[in-house]
Amino acid sequence: MDPARLAELRAGVERLFALLERDFGVRGRWMHRRDDATTYMEVYEGVKDEAAFELLLEREGAKLGVQRRTERFVCA
């Protein structure tokens, strides 16, 4: 992520979070690596309709203009 785009990207992520919260009742968290302030991740918990959620996330996330990778974790 280009540090010069941080404010623009943050605004885009907040729009994405608002859309996901409106449509799915899930509020995301935006975090960055402790040792690399240019690597970010989003965390979503309590998603019930995973297929629809991921479709919307893929479509809207593409509008952010940054490379994205999806990783899925569940509680052990």
N, C-alpha and C. Protein backbone atom coordinates (compact mmCIF):
# COMPACT_ATOMS: atom_id res chain seq x y z
N MET A 1 0.85 -1.18 0.00
CA MET A 1 0.00 0.00 0.00
C MET A 1 0.89 1.23 0.00
N ASP A 2 0.58 2.15 -0.88
CA ASP A 2 1.32 3.40 -0.99
C ASP A 2 0.93 4.32 0.18
N PRO A 3 1.89 4.69 1.05
CA PRO A 3 1.56 5.54 2.20
C PRO A 3 0.90 6.86 1.81
N ALA A 4 1.17 7.36 0.62
CA ALA A 4 0.56 8.61 0.18
C ALA A 4 -0.95 8.47 -0.03
N ARG A 5 -1.42 7.25 -0.18
CA ARG A 5 -2.85 6.99 -0.40
C ARG A 5 -3.60 6.62 0.88
N LEU A 6 -2.94 6.70 2.02
CA LEU A 6 -3.55 6.22 3.26
C LEU A 6 -4.89 6.88 3.57
N ALA A 7 -4.98 8.19 3.48
CA ALA A 7 -6.25 8.88 3.80
C ALA A 7 -7.35 8.46 2.83
N GLU A 8 -7.01 8.38 1.56
CA GLU A 8 -7.99 7.94 0.54
C GLU A 8 -8.43 6.50 0.81
N LEU A 9 -7.47 5.64 1.10
CA LEU A 9 -7.79 4.24 1.36
C LEU A 9 -8.62 4.09 2.62
N ARG A 10 -8.27 4.82 3.67
CA ARG A 10 -9.06 4.75 4.92
C ARG A 10 -10.51 5.13 4.66
N ALA A 11 -10.74 6.19 3.88
CA ALA A 11 -12.11 6.61 3.55
C ALA A 11 -12.83 5.50 2.79
N GLY A 12 -12.15 4.86 1.86
CA GLY A 12 -12.75 3.76 1.11
C GLY A 12 -13.09 2.58 1.99
N VAL A 13 -12.21 2.26 2.91
CA VAL A 13 -12.46 1.16 3.84
C VAL A 13 -13.65 1.49 4.74
N GLU A 14 -13.74 2.72 5.20
CA GLU A 14 -14.88 3.11 6.03
C GLU A 14 -16.19 3.02 5.26
N ARG A 15 -16.18 3.38 3.98
CA ARG A 15 -17.40 3.21 3.14
C ARG A 15 -17.74 1.72 3.01
N LEU A 16 -16.73 0.90 2.79
CA LEU A 16 -16.94 -0.54 2.70
C LEU A 16 -17.52 -1.08 4.01
N PHE A 17 -16.96 -0.67 5.14
CA PHE A 17 -17.47 -1.12 6.44
C PHE A 17 -18.92 -0.70 6.64
N ALA A 18 -19.26 0.51 6.26
CA ALA A 18 -20.64 0.99 6.42
C ALA A 18 -21.60 0.16 5.58
N LEU A 19 -21.20 -0.16 4.36
CA LEU A 19 -22.03 -0.98 3.47
C LEU A 19 -22.22 -2.38 4.05
N LEU A 20 -21.15 -2.98 4.51
CA LEU A 20 -21.24 -4.33 5.09
C LEU A 20 -22.08 -4.34 6.36
N GLU A 21 -21.94 -3.30 7.16
CA GLU A 21 -22.74 -3.22 8.38
C GLU A 21 -24.22 -3.05 8.04
N ARG A 22 -24.51 -2.22 7.06
CA ARG A 22 -25.90 -2.00 6.65
C ARG A 22 -26.51 -3.30 6.12
N ASP A 23 -25.79 -4.00 5.25
CA ASP A 23 -26.36 -5.18 4.58
C ASP A 23 -26.28 -6.46 5.39
N PHE A 24 -25.27 -6.56 6.28
CA PHE A 24 -25.06 -7.83 6.99
C PHE A 24 -25.00 -7.70 8.51
N GLY A 25 -25.04 -6.48 9.02
CA GLY A 25 -24.97 -6.29 10.47
C GLY A 25 -23.61 -6.64 11.05
N VAL A 26 -22.58 -6.61 10.21
CA VAL A 26 -21.22 -6.96 10.64
C VAL A 26 -20.35 -5.72 10.49
N ARG A 27 -19.66 -5.34 11.56
CA ARG A 27 -18.75 -4.20 11.52
C ARG A 27 -17.32 -4.71 11.44
N GLY A 28 -16.60 -4.30 10.43
CA GLY A 28 -15.22 -4.72 10.26
C GLY A 28 -14.26 -3.95 11.13
N ARG A 29 -13.09 -4.50 11.31
CA ARG A 29 -11.98 -3.82 11.99
C ARG A 29 -10.83 -3.74 10.99
N TRP A 30 -10.13 -2.62 10.97
CA TRP A 30 -9.01 -2.41 10.05
C TRP A 30 -7.75 -2.33 10.87
N MET A 31 -6.78 -3.17 10.55
CA MET A 31 -5.56 -3.27 11.33
C MET A 31 -4.36 -3.23 10.40
N HIS A 32 -3.20 -2.86 10.95
CA HIS A 32 -1.98 -2.98 10.16
C HIS A 32 -0.95 -3.76 10.96
N ARG A 33 0.01 -4.31 10.22
CA ARG A 33 1.06 -5.08 10.87
C ARG A 33 1.86 -4.19 11.81
N ARG A 34 2.19 -4.71 12.94
CA ARG A 34 2.97 -3.96 13.92
C ARG A 34 4.35 -3.60 13.36
N ASP A 35 4.93 -4.49 12.55
CA ASP A 35 6.27 -4.26 12.03
C ASP A 35 6.30 -3.75 10.58
N ASP A 36 5.12 -3.42 10.03
CA ASP A 36 5.06 -2.94 8.65
C ASP A 36 3.79 -2.13 8.48
N ALA A 37 3.91 -0.83 8.56
CA ALA A 37 2.73 0.05 8.50
C ALA A 37 2.12 0.15 7.11
N THR A 38 2.65 -0.60 6.14
CA THR A 38 2.06 -0.58 4.80
C THR A 38 1.27 -1.85 4.49
N THR A 39 1.20 -2.77 5.46
CA THR A 39 0.42 -3.99 5.28
C THR A 39 -0.79 -3.95 6.21
N TYR A 40 -1.97 -4.01 5.62
CA TYR A 40 -3.22 -3.89 6.36
C TYR A 40 -4.05 -5.16 6.24
N MET A 41 -4.97 -5.33 7.17
CA MET A 41 -5.95 -6.41 7.06
C MET A 41 -7.27 -5.96 7.66
N GLU A 42 -8.32 -6.57 7.15
CA GLU A 42 -9.66 -6.34 7.69
C GLU A 42 -10.06 -7.61 8.42
N VAL A 43 -10.83 -7.44 9.48
CA VAL A 43 -11.33 -8.57 10.26
C VAL A 43 -12.84 -8.43 10.36
N TYR A 44 -13.54 -9.51 10.06
CA TYR A 44 -15.00 -9.54 10.14
C TYR A 44 -15.40 -10.75 10.97
N GLU A 45 -16.26 -10.54 11.95
CA GLU A 45 -16.70 -11.65 12.80
C GLU A 45 -18.23 -11.71 12.80
N GLY A 46 -18.75 -12.91 12.95
CA GLY A 46 -20.20 -13.09 13.05
C GLY A 46 -20.93 -13.05 11.73
N VAL A 47 -20.25 -13.35 10.64
CA VAL A 47 -20.89 -13.36 9.32
C VAL A 47 -21.77 -14.60 9.22
N LYS A 48 -23.03 -14.40 8.90
CA LYS A 48 -23.96 -15.52 8.81
C LYS A 48 -24.11 -16.03 7.37
N ASP A 49 -24.28 -15.15 6.42
CA ASP A 49 -24.41 -15.53 5.02
C ASP A 49 -23.07 -15.31 4.33
N GLU A 50 -22.18 -16.28 4.49
CA GLU A 50 -20.81 -16.11 4.01
C GLU A 50 -20.72 -15.91 2.50
N ALA A 51 -21.51 -16.63 1.74
CA ALA A 51 -21.44 -16.53 0.27
C ALA A 51 -21.81 -15.12 -0.19
N ALA A 52 -22.91 -14.59 0.29
CA ALA A 52 -23.34 -13.25 -0.11
C ALA A 52 -22.37 -12.19 0.41
N PHE A 53 -21.89 -12.38 1.63
CA PHE A 53 -20.93 -11.45 2.23
C PHE A 53 -19.66 -11.38 1.38
N GLU A 54 -19.13 -12.53 1.00
CA GLU A 54 -17.89 -12.57 0.23
C GLU A 54 -18.07 -12.00 -1.17
N LEU A 55 -19.23 -12.20 -1.77
CA LEU A 55 -19.49 -11.60 -3.09
C LEU A 55 -19.47 -10.08 -3.00
N LEU A 56 -20.15 -9.54 -2.01
CA LEU A 56 -20.17 -8.09 -1.84
C LEU A 56 -18.78 -7.57 -1.49
N LEU A 57 -18.08 -8.27 -0.63
CA LEU A 57 -16.73 -7.86 -0.23
C LEU A 57 -15.78 -7.87 -1.43
N GLU A 58 -15.86 -8.87 -2.25
CA GLU A 58 -15.01 -8.95 -3.45
C GLU A 58 -15.32 -7.81 -4.41
N ARG A 59 -16.60 -7.59 -4.66
CA ARG A 59 -17.01 -6.54 -5.61
C ARG A 59 -16.61 -5.15 -5.11
N GLU A 60 -16.96 -4.84 -3.87
CA GLU A 60 -16.70 -3.51 -3.33
C GLU A 60 -15.23 -3.33 -2.97
N GLY A 61 -14.59 -4.39 -2.51
CA GLY A 61 -13.18 -4.30 -2.17
C GLY A 61 -12.31 -4.02 -3.38
N ALA A 62 -12.71 -4.49 -4.56
CA ALA A 62 -11.96 -4.23 -5.79
C ALA A 62 -11.90 -2.74 -6.09
N LYS A 63 -12.89 -2.00 -5.62
CA LYS A 63 -12.94 -0.55 -5.87
C LYS A 63 -11.87 0.21 -5.09
N LEU A 64 -11.24 -0.44 -4.11
CA LEU A 64 -10.22 0.23 -3.31
C LEU A 64 -8.92 0.44 -4.11
N GLY A 65 -8.73 -0.35 -5.16
CA GLY A 65 -7.57 -0.17 -6.01
C GLY A 65 -6.26 -0.66 -5.41
N VAL A 66 -6.33 -1.62 -4.51
CA VAL A 66 -5.12 -2.22 -3.94
C VAL A 66 -5.24 -3.74 -4.06
N GLN A 67 -4.10 -4.39 -4.08
CA GLN A 67 -4.09 -5.85 -4.14
C GLN A 67 -4.65 -6.40 -2.83
N ARG A 68 -5.57 -7.35 -2.95
CA ARG A 68 -6.20 -7.93 -1.77
C ARG A 68 -6.01 -9.43 -1.80
N ARG A 69 -5.97 -10.02 -0.61
CA ARG A 69 -5.88 -11.46 -0.47
C ARG A 69 -6.85 -11.86 0.65
N THR A 70 -7.56 -12.93 0.44
CA THR A 70 -8.52 -13.38 1.44
C THR A 70 -7.95 -14.58 2.19
N GLU A 71 -8.01 -14.51 3.50
CA GLU A 71 -7.66 -15.62 4.37
C GLU A 71 -8.81 -15.79 5.35
N ARG A 72 -9.18 -17.02 5.63
CA ARG A 72 -10.31 -17.29 6.52
C ARG A 72 -9.84 -18.08 7.73
N PHE A 73 -10.24 -17.62 8.89
CA PHE A 73 -9.89 -18.27 10.15
C PHE A 73 -11.16 -18.50 10.95
N VAL A 74 -11.16 -19.53 11.78
CA VAL A 74 -12.26 -19.79 12.70
C VAL A 74 -11.67 -20.05 14.08
N CYS A 75 -12.46 -19.89 15.10
CA CYS A 75 -11.98 -20.14 16.46
C CYS A 75 -11.62 -21.61 16.61
N ALA A 76 -10.55 -21.85 17.31
CA ALA A 76 -10.08 -23.22 17.52
C ALA A 76 -10.83 -23.86 18.67
